[in-house]
Amino acid sequence: MCAARQHKFWQMHDLLFRYQSRWLDLNPPRPFFLTLADSIGADRQAFATCVESGETRALVKADYEGSLRSGANATPSFYIEGGLMSGDRPMDQFRPILDSIYRARTATGAKGR
């Protein structure tokens, strides 16, 4: 979230997942996160201040708790039209769901024309 404040959410997201095996067991992982912030061109001081202050902690905690309340128990989790798919799934499991939603929405839209 500290990277997101600098409009660098997805860049940091991608690096966190790419290098998860390198930072997962670090105690603390903050110095490694600072190197990732550097590599995405984030303002190092602003990022460090945000991480150290914990100013986004409540936001992250609220998001986590909301996910648990909605039934998500895995990463990734996908909410599709009120339904929940948890865990890493191949595209062939998404295709029929998304196609049926598309058909339902375009059929409804076509009737109103």
PDB file of N, CA and C in Angstrom:
ATOM      1  N   MET A   1       0.818  -1.192   0.000  1.00  0.00           N
ATOM      2  CA  MET A   1       0.000   0.000   0.000  1.00  0.00           C
ATOM      3  C   MET A   1       0.862   1.256   0.000  1.00  0.00           C
ATOM      4  N   CYS A   2       2.052   1.143   0.584  1.00  0.00           N
ATOM      5  CA  CYS A   2       2.954   2.305   0.555  1.00  0.00           C
ATOM      6  C   CYS A   2       3.405   2.590  -0.875  1.00  0.00           C
ATOM      7  N   ALA A   3       3.602   1.552  -1.658  1.00  0.00           N
ATOM      8  CA  ALA A   3       3.943   1.745  -3.071  1.00  0.00           C
ATOM      9  C   ALA A   3       2.743   2.305  -3.824  1.00  0.00           C
ATOM     10  N   ALA A   4       1.552   1.860  -3.469  1.00  0.00           N
ATOM     11  CA  ALA A   4       0.338   2.347  -4.130  1.00  0.00           C
ATOM     12  C   ALA A   4       0.174   3.850  -3.946  1.00  0.00           C
ATOM     13  N   ARG A   5       0.596   4.358  -2.806  1.00  0.00           N
ATOM     14  CA  ARG A   5       0.503   5.804  -2.567  1.00  0.00           C
ATOM     15  C   ARG A   5       1.363   6.598  -3.533  1.00  0.00           C
ATOM     16  N   GLN A   6       2.304   5.905  -4.165  1.00  0.00           N
ATOM     17  CA  GLN A   6       3.147   6.555  -5.165  1.00  0.00           C
ATOM     18  C   GLN A   6       2.775   6.078  -6.576  1.00  0.00           C
ATOM     19  N   HIS A   7       1.577   5.515  -6.703  1.00  0.00           N
ATOM     20  CA  HIS A   7       1.088   5.003  -7.994  1.00  0.00           C
ATOM     21  C   HIS A   7       1.992   3.904  -8.543  1.00  0.00           C
ATOM     22  N   LYS A   8       2.483   3.054  -7.643  1.00  0.00           N
ATOM     23  CA  LYS A   8       3.394   1.978  -8.034  1.00  0.00           C
ATOM     24  C   LYS A   8       2.893   0.624  -7.508  1.00  0.00           C
ATOM     25  N   PHE A   9       1.584   0.509  -7.280  1.00  0.00           N
ATOM     26  CA  PHE A   9       1.035  -0.709  -6.687  1.00  0.00           C
ATOM     27  C   PHE A   9       1.392  -1.950  -7.489  1.00  0.00           C
ATOM     28  N   TRP A  10       1.055  -1.953  -8.778  1.00  0.00           N
ATOM     29  CA  TRP A  10       1.234  -3.165  -9.576  1.00  0.00           C
ATOM     30  C   TRP A  10       2.704  -3.509  -9.777  1.00  0.00           C
ATOM     31  N   GLN A  11       3.548  -2.493  -9.902  1.00  0.00           N
ATOM     32  CA  GLN A  11       4.975  -2.782 -10.026  1.00  0.00           C
ATOM     33  C   GLN A  11       5.482  -3.482  -8.772  1.00  0.00           C
ATOM     34  N   MET A  12       5.099  -2.978  -7.593  1.00  0.00           N
ATOM     35  CA  MET A  12       5.529  -3.599  -6.345  1.00  0.00           C
ATOM     36  C   MET A  12       4.873  -4.965  -6.175  1.00  0.00           C
ATOM     37  N   HIS A  13       3.616  -5.060  -6.482  1.00  0.00           N
ATOM     38  CA  HIS A  13       2.887  -6.335  -6.423  1.00  0.00           C
ATOM     39  C   HIS A  13       3.640  -7.409  -7.190  1.00  0.00           C
ATOM     40  N   ASP A  14       3.994  -7.087  -8.424  1.00  0.00           N
ATOM     41  CA  ASP A  14       4.671  -8.071  -9.267  1.00  0.00           C
ATOM     42  C   ASP A  14       6.010  -8.495  -8.677  1.00  0.00           C
ATOM     43  N   LEU A  15       6.771  -7.531  -8.163  1.00  0.00           N
ATOM     44  CA  LEU A  15       8.076  -7.875  -7.579  1.00  0.00           C
ATOM     45  C   LEU A  15       7.931  -8.668  -6.280  1.00  0.00           C
ATOM     46  N   LEU A  16       6.954  -8.336  -5.473  1.00  0.00           N
ATOM     47  CA  LEU A  16       6.745  -9.087  -4.227  1.00  0.00           C
ATOM     48  C   LEU A  16       6.467 -10.558  -4.518  1.00  0.00           C
ATOM     49  N   PHE A  17       5.653 -10.830  -5.520  1.00  0.00           N
ATOM     50  CA  PHE A  17       5.377 -12.222  -5.872  1.00  0.00           C
ATOM     51  C   PHE A  17       6.573 -12.876  -6.561  1.00  0.00           C
ATOM     52  N   ARG A  18       7.254 -12.133  -7.423  1.00  0.00           N
ATOM     53  CA  ARG A  18       8.402 -12.698  -8.144  1.00  0.00           C
ATOM     54  C   ARG A  18       9.521 -13.098  -7.185  1.00  0.00           C
ATOM     55  N   TYR A  19       9.749 -12.294  -6.157  1.00  0.00           N
ATOM     56  CA  TYR A  19      10.869 -12.540  -5.244  1.00  0.00           C
ATOM     57  C   TYR A  19      10.426 -13.021  -3.864  1.00  0.00           C
ATOM     58  N   GLN A  20       9.232 -13.563  -3.776  1.00  0.00           N
ATOM     59  CA  GLN A  20       8.712 -13.995  -2.490  1.00  0.00           C
ATOM     60  C   GLN A  20       9.639 -14.990  -1.793  1.00  0.00           C
ATOM     61  N   SER A  21      10.232 -15.893  -2.530  1.00  0.00           N
ATOM     62  CA  SER A  21      11.116 -16.885  -1.897  1.00  0.00           C
ATOM     63  C   SER A  21      12.352 -16.236  -1.286  1.00  0.00           C
ATOM     64  N   ARG A  22      12.721 -15.057  -1.764  1.00  0.00           N
ATOM     65  CA  ARG A  22      13.893 -14.366  -1.225  1.00  0.00           C
ATOM     66  C   ARG A  22      13.601 -13.558   0.019  1.00  0.00           C
ATOM     67  N   TRP A  23      12.373 -13.056   0.179  1.00  0.00           N
ATOM     68  CA  TRP A  23      12.079 -12.227   1.346  1.00  0.00           C
ATOM     69  C   TRP A  23      11.225 -12.925   2.396  1.00  0.00           C
ATOM     70  N   LEU A  24      10.632 -14.063   2.043  1.00  0.00           N
ATOM     71  CA  LEU A  24       9.690 -14.735   2.929  1.00  0.00           C
ATOM     72  C   LEU A  24      10.255 -15.029   4.320  1.00  0.00           C
ATOM     73  N   ASP A  25      11.497 -15.482   4.393  1.00  0.00           N
ATOM     74  CA  ASP A  25      12.088 -15.848   5.685  1.00  0.00           C
ATOM     75  C   ASP A  25      12.969 -14.763   6.287  1.00  0.00           C
ATOM     76  N   LEU A  26      13.012 -13.598   5.681  1.00  0.00           N
ATOM     77  CA  LEU A  26      13.818 -12.508   6.230  1.00  0.00           C
ATOM     78  C   LEU A  26      13.138 -11.927   7.464  1.00  0.00           C
ATOM     79  N   ASN A  27      13.940 -11.607   8.462  1.00  0.00           N
ATOM     80  CA  ASN A  27      13.388 -11.020   9.683  1.00  0.00           C
ATOM     81  C   ASN A  27      14.256  -9.853  10.109  1.00  0.00           C
ATOM     82  N   PRO A  28      13.874  -8.640   9.795  1.00  0.00           N
ATOM     83  CA  PRO A  28      12.664  -8.211   9.106  1.00  0.00           C
ATOM     84  C   PRO A  28      12.900  -8.133   7.594  1.00  0.00           C
ATOM     85  N   PRO A  29      11.847  -8.166   6.796  1.00  0.00           N
ATOM     86  CA  PRO A  29      11.996  -8.064   5.341  1.00  0.00           C
ATOM     87  C   PRO A  29      12.091  -6.626   4.833  1.00  0.00           C
ATOM     88  N   ARG A  30      11.937  -5.639   5.725  1.00  0.00           N
ATOM     89  CA  ARG A  30      11.889  -4.231   5.287  1.00  0.00           C
ATOM     90  C   ARG A  30      13.073  -3.808   4.424  1.00  0.00           C
ATOM     91  N   PRO A  31      14.323  -4.147   4.787  1.00  0.00           N
ATOM     92  CA  PRO A  31      15.430  -3.713   3.917  1.00  0.00           C
ATOM     93  C   PRO A  31      15.296  -4.249   2.482  1.00  0.00           C
ATOM     94  N   PHE A  32      14.831  -5.470   2.356  1.00  0.00           N
ATOM     95  CA  PHE A  32      14.645  -6.023   1.011  1.00  0.00           C
ATOM     96  C   PHE A  32      13.522  -5.286   0.291  1.00  0.00           C
ATOM     97  N   PHE A  33      12.449  -4.953   1.015  1.00  0.00           N
ATOM     98  CA  PHE A  33      11.353  -4.204   0.406  1.00  0.00           C
ATOM     99  C   PHE A  33      11.821  -2.837  -0.081  1.00  0.00           C
ATOM    100  N   LEU A  34      12.754  -2.235   0.646  1.00  0.00           N
ATOM    101  CA  LEU A  34      13.306  -0.950   0.209  1.00  0.00           C
ATOM    102  C   LEU A  34      14.047  -1.097  -1.116  1.00  0.00           C
ATOM    103  N   THR A  35      14.767  -2.197  -1.289  1.00  0.00           N
ATOM    104  CA  THR A  35      15.457  -2.407  -2.570  1.00  0.00           C
ATOM    105  C   THR A  35      14.444  -2.601  -3.694  1.00  0.00           C
ATOM    106  N   LEU A  36      13.328  -3.265  -3.386  1.00  0.00           N
ATOM    107  CA  LEU A  36      12.286  -3.415  -4.404  1.00  0.00           C
ATOM    108  C   LEU A  36      11.678  -2.055  -4.747  1.00  0.00           C
ATOM    109  N   ALA A  37      11.453  -1.234  -3.733  1.00  0.00           N
ATOM    110  CA  ALA A  37      10.915   0.108  -3.974  1.00  0.00           C
ATOM    111  C   ALA A  37      11.871   0.921  -4.843  1.00  0.00           C
ATOM    112  N   ASP A  38      13.167   0.780  -4.581  1.00  0.00           N
ATOM    113  CA  ASP A  38      14.160   1.461  -5.408  1.00  0.00           C
ATOM    114  C   ASP A  38      14.059   0.999  -6.858  1.00  0.00           C
ATOM    115  N   SER A  39      13.891  -0.309  -7.037  1.00  0.00           N
ATOM    116  CA  SER A  39      13.902  -0.850  -8.392  1.00  0.00           C
ATOM    117  C   SER A  39      12.674  -0.452  -9.209  1.00  0.00           C
ATOM    118  N   ILE A  40      11.589  -0.032  -8.547  1.00  0.00           N
ATOM    119  CA  ILE A  40      10.411   0.428  -9.296  1.00  0.00           C
ATOM    120  C   ILE A  40      10.361   1.947  -9.401  1.00  0.00           C
ATOM    121  N   GLY A  41      11.395   2.605  -8.886  1.00  0.00           N
ATOM    122  CA  GLY A  41      11.471   4.053  -8.998  1.00  0.00           C
ATOM    123  C   GLY A  41      10.624   4.805  -7.984  1.00  0.00           C
ATOM    124  N   ALA A  42      10.298   4.145  -6.874  1.00  0.00           N
ATOM    125  CA  ALA A  42       9.540   4.829  -5.819  1.00  0.00           C
ATOM    126  C   ALA A  42      10.455   5.796  -5.078  1.00  0.00           C
ATOM    127  N   ASP A  43       9.864   6.800  -4.494  1.00  0.00           N
ATOM    128  CA  ASP A  43      10.614   7.720  -3.646  1.00  0.00           C
ATOM    129  C   ASP A  43      10.997   6.953  -2.383  1.00  0.00           C
ATOM    130  N   ARG A  44      12.298   6.684  -2.227  1.00  0.00           N
ATOM    131  CA  ARG A  44      12.779   5.824  -1.146  1.00  0.00           C
ATOM    132  C   ARG A  44      12.405   6.363   0.229  1.00  0.00           C
ATOM    133  N   GLN A  45      12.598   7.643   0.452  1.00  0.00           N
ATOM    134  CA  GLN A  45      12.314   8.213   1.770  1.00  0.00           C
ATOM    135  C   GLN A  45      10.829   8.143   2.098  1.00  0.00           C
ATOM    136  N   ALA A  46       9.987   8.488   1.140  1.00  0.00           N
ATOM    137  CA  ALA A  46       8.540   8.435   1.372  1.00  0.00           C
ATOM    138  C   ALA A  46       8.087   6.999   1.621  1.00  0.00           C
ATOM    139  N   PHE A  47       8.637   6.065   0.852  1.00  0.00           N
ATOM    140  CA  PHE A  47       8.286   4.654   1.033  1.00  0.00           C
ATOM    141  C   PHE A  47       8.732   4.168   2.407  1.00  0.00           C
ATOM    142  N   ALA A  48       9.977   4.460   2.776  1.00  0.00           N
ATOM    143  CA  ALA A  48      10.506   4.034   4.069  1.00  0.00           C
ATOM    144  C   ALA A  48       9.703   4.625   5.220  1.00  0.00           C
ATOM    145  N   THR A  49       9.368   5.892   5.113  1.00  0.00           N
ATOM    146  CA  THR A  49       8.580   6.553   6.157  1.00  0.00           C
ATOM    147  C   THR A  49       7.210   5.898   6.290  1.00  0.00           C
ATOM    148  N   CYS A  50       6.578   5.610   5.169  1.00  0.00           N
ATOM    149  CA  CYS A  50       5.262   4.965   5.169  1.00  0.00           C
ATOM    150  C   CYS A  50       5.341   3.585   5.826  1.00  0.00           C
ATOM    151  N   VAL A  51       6.339   2.785   5.444  1.00  0.00           N
ATOM    152  CA  VAL A  51       6.478   1.436   6.002  1.00  0.00           C
ATOM    153  C   VAL A  51       6.771   1.497   7.495  1.00  0.00           C
ATOM    154  N   GLU A  52       7.726   2.326   7.869  1.00  0.00           N
ATOM    155  CA  GLU A  52       8.134   2.402   9.277  1.00  0.00           C
ATOM    156  C   GLU A  52       7.025   2.939  10.179  1.00  0.00           C
ATOM    157  N   SER A  53       6.239   3.872   9.673  1.00  0.00           N
ATOM    158  CA  SER A  53       5.189   4.482  10.498  1.00  0.00           C
ATOM    159  C   SER A  53       3.981   3.565  10.669  1.00  0.00           C
ATOM    160  N   GLY A  54       3.829   2.623   9.748  1.00  0.00           N
ATOM    161  CA  GLY A  54       2.665   1.742   9.816  1.00  0.00           C
ATOM    162  C   GLY A  54       1.373   2.430   9.416  1.00  0.00           C
ATOM    163  N   GLU A  55       1.491   3.542   8.672  1.00  0.00           N
ATOM    164  CA  GLU A  55       0.304   4.332   8.355  1.00  0.00           C
ATOM    165  C   GLU A  55      -0.710   3.605   7.480  1.00  0.00           C
ATOM    166  N   THR A  56      -0.305   2.565   6.779  1.00  0.00           N
ATOM    167  CA  THR A  56      -1.257   1.816   5.954  1.00  0.00           C
ATOM    168  C   THR A  56      -1.699   0.511   6.622  1.00  0.00           C
ATOM    169  N   ARG A  57      -1.179   0.241   7.809  1.00  0.00           N
ATOM    170  CA  ARG A  57      -1.486  -1.019   8.504  1.00  0.00           C
ATOM    171  C   ARG A  57      -2.993  -1.220   8.698  1.00  0.00           C
ATOM    172  N   ALA A  58      -3.707  -0.202   9.123  1.00  0.00           N
ATOM    173  CA  ALA A  58      -5.155  -0.333   9.359  1.00  0.00           C
ATOM    174  C   ALA A  58      -5.894  -0.649   8.064  1.00  0.00           C
ATOM    175  N   LEU A  59      -5.472  -0.035   6.958  1.00  0.00           N
ATOM    176  CA  LEU A  59      -6.093  -0.298   5.662  1.00  0.00           C
ATOM    177  C   LEU A  59      -5.878  -1.747   5.242  1.00  0.00           C
ATOM    178  N   VAL A  60      -4.657  -2.235   5.383  1.00  0.00           N
ATOM    179  CA  VAL A  60      -4.339  -3.616   5.020  1.00  0.00           C
ATOM    180  C   VAL A  60      -5.112  -4.587   5.903  1.00  0.00           C
ATOM    181  N   LYS A  61      -5.165  -4.303   7.195  1.00  0.00           N
ATOM    182  CA  LYS A  61      -5.889  -5.169   8.127  1.00  0.00           C
ATOM    183  C   LYS A  61      -7.381  -5.204   7.799  1.00  0.00           C
ATOM    184  N   ALA A  62      -7.965  -4.062   7.499  1.00  0.00           N
ATOM    185  CA  ALA A  62      -9.387  -4.003   7.157  1.00  0.00           C
ATOM    186  C   ALA A  62      -9.674  -4.788   5.883  1.00  0.00           C
ATOM    187  N   ASP A  63      -8.794  -4.691   4.900  1.00  0.00           N
ATOM    188  CA  ASP A  63      -8.966  -5.435   3.656  1.00  0.00           C
ATOM    189  C   ASP A  63      -8.880  -6.939   3.919  1.00  0.00           C
ATOM    190  N   TYR A  64      -7.909  -7.337   4.719  1.00  0.00           N
ATOM    191  CA  TYR A  64      -7.734  -8.743   5.081  1.00  0.00           C
ATOM    192  C   TYR A  64      -8.974  -9.275   5.802  1.00  0.00           C
ATOM    193  N   GLU A  65      -9.453  -8.533   6.779  1.00  0.00           N
ATOM    194  CA  GLU A  65     -10.622  -8.973   7.543  1.00  0.00           C
ATOM    195  C   GLU A  65     -11.872  -9.032   6.669  1.00  0.00           C
ATOM    196  N   GLY A  66     -12.008  -8.100   5.746  1.00  0.00           N
ATOM    197  CA  GLY A  66     -13.130  -8.129   4.811  1.00  0.00           C
ATOM    198  C   GLY A  66     -13.075  -9.352   3.910  1.00  0.00           C
ATOM    199  N   SER A  67     -11.879  -9.706   3.481  1.00  0.00           N
ATOM    200  CA  SER A  67     -11.713 -10.905   2.655  1.00  0.00           C
ATOM    201  C   SER A  67     -12.122 -12.154   3.423  1.00  0.00           C
ATOM    202  N   LEU A  68     -11.699 -12.246   4.674  1.00  0.00           N
ATOM    203  CA  LEU A  68     -12.076 -13.407   5.494  1.00  0.00           C
ATOM    204  C   LEU A  68     -13.595 -13.486   5.682  1.00  0.00           C
ATOM    205  N   ARG A  69     -14.219 -12.337   5.935  1.00  0.00           N
ATOM    206  CA  ARG A  69     -15.674 -12.318   6.119  1.00  0.00           C
ATOM    207  C   ARG A  69     -16.410 -12.760   4.861  1.00  0.00           C
ATOM    208  N   SER A  70     -15.833 -12.477   3.712  1.00  0.00           N
ATOM    209  CA  SER A  70     -16.500 -12.841   2.462  1.00  0.00           C
ATOM    210  C   SER A  70     -16.197 -14.273   2.035  1.00  0.00           C
ATOM    211  N   GLY A  71     -15.359 -14.960   2.801  1.00  0.00           N
ATOM    212  CA  GLY A  71     -15.086 -16.366   2.519  1.00  0.00           C
ATOM    213  C   GLY A  71     -13.770 -16.648   1.825  1.00  0.00           C
ATOM    214  N   ALA A  72     -13.036 -15.623   1.451  1.00  0.00           N
ATOM    215  CA  ALA A  72     -11.747 -15.841   0.783  1.00  0.00           C
ATOM    216  C   ALA A  72     -10.765 -16.429   1.783  1.00  0.00           C
ATOM    217  N   ASN A  73     -10.123 -17.512   1.381  1.00  0.00           N
ATOM    218  CA  ASN A  73      -9.145 -18.141   2.261  1.00  0.00           C
ATOM    219  C   ASN A  73      -7.887 -18.553   1.518  1.00  0.00           C
ATOM    220  N   ALA A  74      -7.710 -18.004   0.337  1.00  0.00           N
ATOM    221  CA  ALA A  74      -6.542 -18.345  -0.473  1.00  0.00           C
ATOM    222  C   ALA A  74      -6.166 -17.160  -1.347  1.00  0.00           C
ATOM    223  N   THR A  75      -4.930 -17.170  -1.787  1.00  0.00           N
ATOM    224  CA  THR A  75      -4.460 -16.182  -2.742  1.00  0.00           C
ATOM    225  C   THR A  75      -4.010 -16.935  -3.983  1.00  0.00           C
ATOM    226  N   PRO A  76      -4.559 -16.566  -5.095  1.00  0.00           N
ATOM    227  CA  PRO A  76      -5.535 -15.494  -5.310  1.00  0.00           C
ATOM    228  C   PRO A  76      -6.963 -15.975  -5.022  1.00  0.00           C
ATOM    229  N   SER A  77      -7.846 -15.038  -4.855  1.00  0.00           N
ATOM    230  CA  SER A  77      -9.285 -15.293  -4.763  1.00  0.00           C
ATOM    231  C   SER A  77      -9.969 -14.336  -5.726  1.00  0.00           C
ATOM    232  N   PHE A  78     -11.002 -14.818  -6.377  1.00  0.00           N
ATOM    233  CA  PHE A  78     -11.702 -14.019  -7.391  1.00  0.00           C
ATOM    234  C   PHE A  78     -13.177 -13.954  -7.048  1.00  0.00           C
ATOM    235  N   TYR A  79     -13.729 -12.754  -7.045  1.00  0.00           N
ATOM    236  CA  TYR A  79     -15.156 -12.548  -6.855  1.00  0.00           C
ATOM    237  C   TYR A  79     -15.754 -12.306  -8.229  1.00  0.00           C
ATOM    238  N   ILE A  80     -16.651 -13.182  -8.636  1.00  0.00           N
ATOM    239  CA  ILE A  80     -17.253 -13.070  -9.960  1.00  0.00           C
ATOM    240  C   ILE A  80     -18.767 -13.122  -9.802  1.00  0.00           C
ATOM    241  N   GLU A  81     -19.408 -11.978 -10.054  1.00  0.00           N
ATOM    242  CA  GLU A  81     -20.868 -11.899  -9.982  1.00  0.00           C
ATOM    243  C   GLU A  81     -21.405 -12.468  -8.677  1.00  0.00           C
ATOM    244  N   GLY A  82     -20.777 -12.116  -7.573  1.00  0.00           N
ATOM    245  CA  GLY A  82     -21.241 -12.558  -6.263  1.00  0.00           C
ATOM    246  C   GLY A  82     -20.732 -13.919  -5.843  1.00  0.00           C
ATOM    247  N   GLY A  83     -20.054 -14.611  -6.730  1.00  0.00           N
ATOM    248  CA  GLY A  83     -19.479 -15.920  -6.400  1.00  0.00           C
ATOM    249  C   GLY A  83     -18.002 -15.781  -6.078  1.00  0.00           C
ATOM    250  N   LEU A  84     -17.446 -16.782  -5.450  1.00  0.00           N
ATOM    251  CA  LEU A  84     -16.046 -16.754  -5.036  1.00  0.00           C
ATOM    252  C   LEU A  84     -15.322 -17.973  -5.577  1.00  0.00           C
ATOM    253  N   MET A  85     -14.200 -17.736  -6.245  1.00  0.00           N
ATOM    254  CA  MET A  85     -13.295 -18.807  -6.662  1.00  0.00           C
ATOM    255  C   MET A  85     -11.978 -18.561  -5.944  1.00  0.00           C
ATOM    256  N   SER A  86     -11.551 -19.547  -5.156  1.00  0.00           N
ATOM    257  CA  SER A  86     -10.317 -19.390  -4.395  1.00  0.00           C
ATOM    258  C   SER A  86      -9.217 -20.264  -4.962  1.00  0.00           C
ATOM    259  N   GLY A  87      -8.013 -19.739  -4.886  1.00  0.00           N
ATOM    260  CA  GLY A  87      -6.844 -20.490  -5.309  1.00  0.00           C
ATOM    261  C   GLY A  87      -6.497 -20.270  -6.761  1.00  0.00           C
ATOM    262  N   ASP A  88      -5.313 -20.717  -7.091  1.00  0.00           N
ATOM    263  CA  ASP A  88      -4.809 -20.600  -8.458  1.00  0.00           C
ATOM    264  C   ASP A  88      -5.600 -21.547  -9.355  1.00  0.00           C
ATOM    265  N   ARG A  89      -6.247 -21.016 -10.363  1.00  0.00           N
ATOM    266  CA  ARG A  89      -7.079 -21.812 -11.268  1.00  0.00           C
ATOM    267  C   ARG A  89      -6.629 -21.599 -12.697  1.00  0.00           C
ATOM    268  N   PRO A  90      -6.689 -22.642 -13.499  1.00  0.00           N
ATOM    269  CA  PRO A  90      -6.365 -22.474 -14.922  1.00  0.00           C
ATOM    270  C   PRO A  90      -7.478 -21.705 -15.640  1.00  0.00           C
ATOM    271  N   MET A  91      -7.120 -21.083 -16.728  1.00  0.00           N
ATOM    272  CA  MET A  91      -8.063 -20.266 -17.490  1.00  0.00           C
ATOM    273  C   MET A  91      -9.273 -21.071 -17.945  1.00  0.00           C
ATOM    274  N   ASP A  92      -9.097 -22.362 -18.220  1.00  0.00           N
ATOM    275  CA  ASP A  92     -10.237 -23.143 -18.705  1.00  0.00           C
ATOM    276  C   ASP A  92     -11.341 -23.291 -17.662  1.00  0.00           C
ATOM    277  N   GLN A  93     -11.059 -22.983 -16.400  1.00  0.00           N
ATOM    278  CA  GLN A  93     -12.107 -22.972 -15.387  1.00  0.00           C
ATOM    279  C   GLN A  93     -12.845 -21.633 -15.350  1.00  0.00           C
ATOM    280  N   PHE A  94     -12.210 -20.587 -15.794  1.00  0.00           N
ATOM    281  CA  PHE A  94     -12.842 -19.267 -15.836  1.00  0.00           C
ATOM    282  C   PHE A  94     -13.711 -19.098 -17.084  1.00  0.00           C
ATOM    283  N   ARG A  95     -13.254 -19.647 -18.183  1.00  0.00           N
ATOM    284  CA  ARG A  95     -13.904 -19.423 -19.479  1.00  0.00           C
ATOM    285  C   ARG A  95     -15.402 -19.712 -19.461  1.00  0.00           C
ATOM    286  N   PRO A  96     -15.867 -20.882 -18.977  1.00  0.00           N
ATOM    287  CA  PRO A  96     -17.322 -21.124 -19.007  1.00  0.00           C
ATOM    288  C   PRO A  96     -18.110 -20.146 -18.138  1.00  0.00           C
ATOM    289  N   ILE A  97     -17.544 -19.760 -17.018  1.00  0.00           N
ATOM    290  CA  ILE A  97     -18.222 -18.820 -16.131  1.00  0.00           C
ATOM    291  C   ILE A  97     -18.340 -17.458 -16.804  1.00  0.00           C
ATOM    292  N   LEU A  98     -17.228 -16.967 -17.312  1.00  0.00           N
ATOM    293  CA  LEU A  98     -17.230 -15.648 -17.955  1.00  0.00           C
ATOM    294  C   LEU A  98     -18.072 -15.645 -19.227  1.00  0.00           C
ATOM    295  N   ASP A  99     -18.008 -16.741 -19.986  1.00  0.00           N
ATOM    296  CA  ASP A  99     -18.834 -16.827 -21.195  1.00  0.00           C
ATOM    297  C   ASP A  99     -20.318 -16.806 -20.862  1.00  0.00           C
ATOM    298  N   SER A 100     -20.712 -17.499 -19.786  1.00  0.00           N
ATOM    299  CA  SER A 100     -22.136 -17.515 -19.436  1.00  0.00           C
ATOM    300  C   SER A 100     -22.597 -16.133 -18.960  1.00  0.00           C
ATOM    301  N   ILE A 101     -21.739 -15.433 -18.248  1.00  0.00           N
ATOM    302  CA  ILE A 101     -22.078 -14.072 -17.823  1.00  0.00           C
ATOM    303  C   ILE A 101     -22.224 -13.177 -19.052  1.00  0.00           C
ATOM    304  N   TYR A 102     -21.296 -13.300 -19.984  1.00  0.00           N
ATOM    305  CA  TYR A 102     -21.356 -12.504 -21.212  1.00  0.00           C
ATOM    306  C   TYR A 102     -22.642 -12.790 -21.984  1.00  0.00           C
ATOM    307  N   ARG A 103     -22.966 -14.095 -22.144  1.00  0.00           N
ATOM    308  CA  ARG A 103     -24.183 -14.454 -22.875  1.00  0.00           C
ATOM    309  C   ARG A 103     -25.421 -13.893 -22.181  1.00  0.00           C
ATOM    310  N   ALA A 104     -25.473 -14.008 -20.859  1.00  0.00           N
ATOM    311  CA  ALA A 104     -26.635 -13.506 -20.126  1.00  0.00           C
ATOM    312  C   ALA A 104     -26.769 -11.995 -20.265  1.00  0.00           C
ATOM    313  N   ARG A 105     -25.678 -11.299 -20.189  1.00  0.00           N
ATOM    314  CA  ARG A 105     -25.737  -9.839 -20.265  1.00  0.00           C
ATOM    315  C   ARG A 105     -26.029  -9.344 -21.685  1.00  0.00           C
ATOM    316  N   THR A 106     -25.470  -9.983 -22.661  1.00  0.00           N
ATOM    317  CA  THR A 106     -25.719  -9.521 -24.033  1.00  0.00           C
ATOM    318  C   THR A 106     -27.112  -9.927 -24.495  1.00  0.00           C
ATOM    319  N   ALA A 107     -27.632 -11.069 -24.024  1.00  0.00           N
ATOM    320  CA  ALA A 107     -28.989 -11.475 -24.373  1.00  0.00           C
ATOM    321  C   ALA A 107     -29.997 -10.520 -23.763  1.00  0.00           C
ATOM    322  N   THR A 108     -29.764 -10.113 -22.521  1.00  0.00           N
ATOM    323  CA  THR A 108     -30.659  -9.171 -21.845  1.00  0.00           C
ATOM    324  C   THR A 108     -30.610  -7.823 -22.538  1.00  0.00           C
ATOM    325  N   GLY A 109     -29.409  -7.382 -22.911  1.00  0.00           N
ATOM    326  CA  GLY A 109     -29.253  -6.103 -23.598  1.00  0.00           C
ATOM    327  C   GLY A 109     -29.897  -6.121 -24.971  1.00  0.00           C
ATOM    328  N   ALA A 110     -29.846  -7.275 -25.649  1.00  0.00           N
ATOM    329  CA  ALA A 110     -30.415  -7.374 -27.001  1.00  0.00           C
ATOM    330  C   ALA A 110     -31.931  -7.299 -26.955  1.00  0.00           C
ATOM    331  N   LYS A 111     -32.547  -7.818 -25.885  1.00  0.00           N
ATOM    332  CA  LYS A 111     -34.013  -7.808 -25.783  1.00  0.00           C
ATOM    333  C   LYS A 111     -34.550  -6.390 -25.617  1.00  0.00           C
ATOM    334  N   GLY A 112     -33.762  -5.547 -24.984  1.00  0.00           N
ATOM    335  CA  GLY A 112     -34.227  -4.191 -24.722  1.00  0.00           C
ATOM    336  C   GLY A 112     -34.045  -3.254 -25.901  1.00  0.00           C
ATOM    337  N   ARG A 113     -33.511  -3.728 -26.999  1.00  0.00           N
ATOM    338  CA  ARG A 113     -33.241  -2.835 -28.151  1.00  0.00           C
ATOM    339  C   ARG A 113     -34.372  -2.760 -29.102  1.00  0.00           C
TER     340      ARG A 113
END
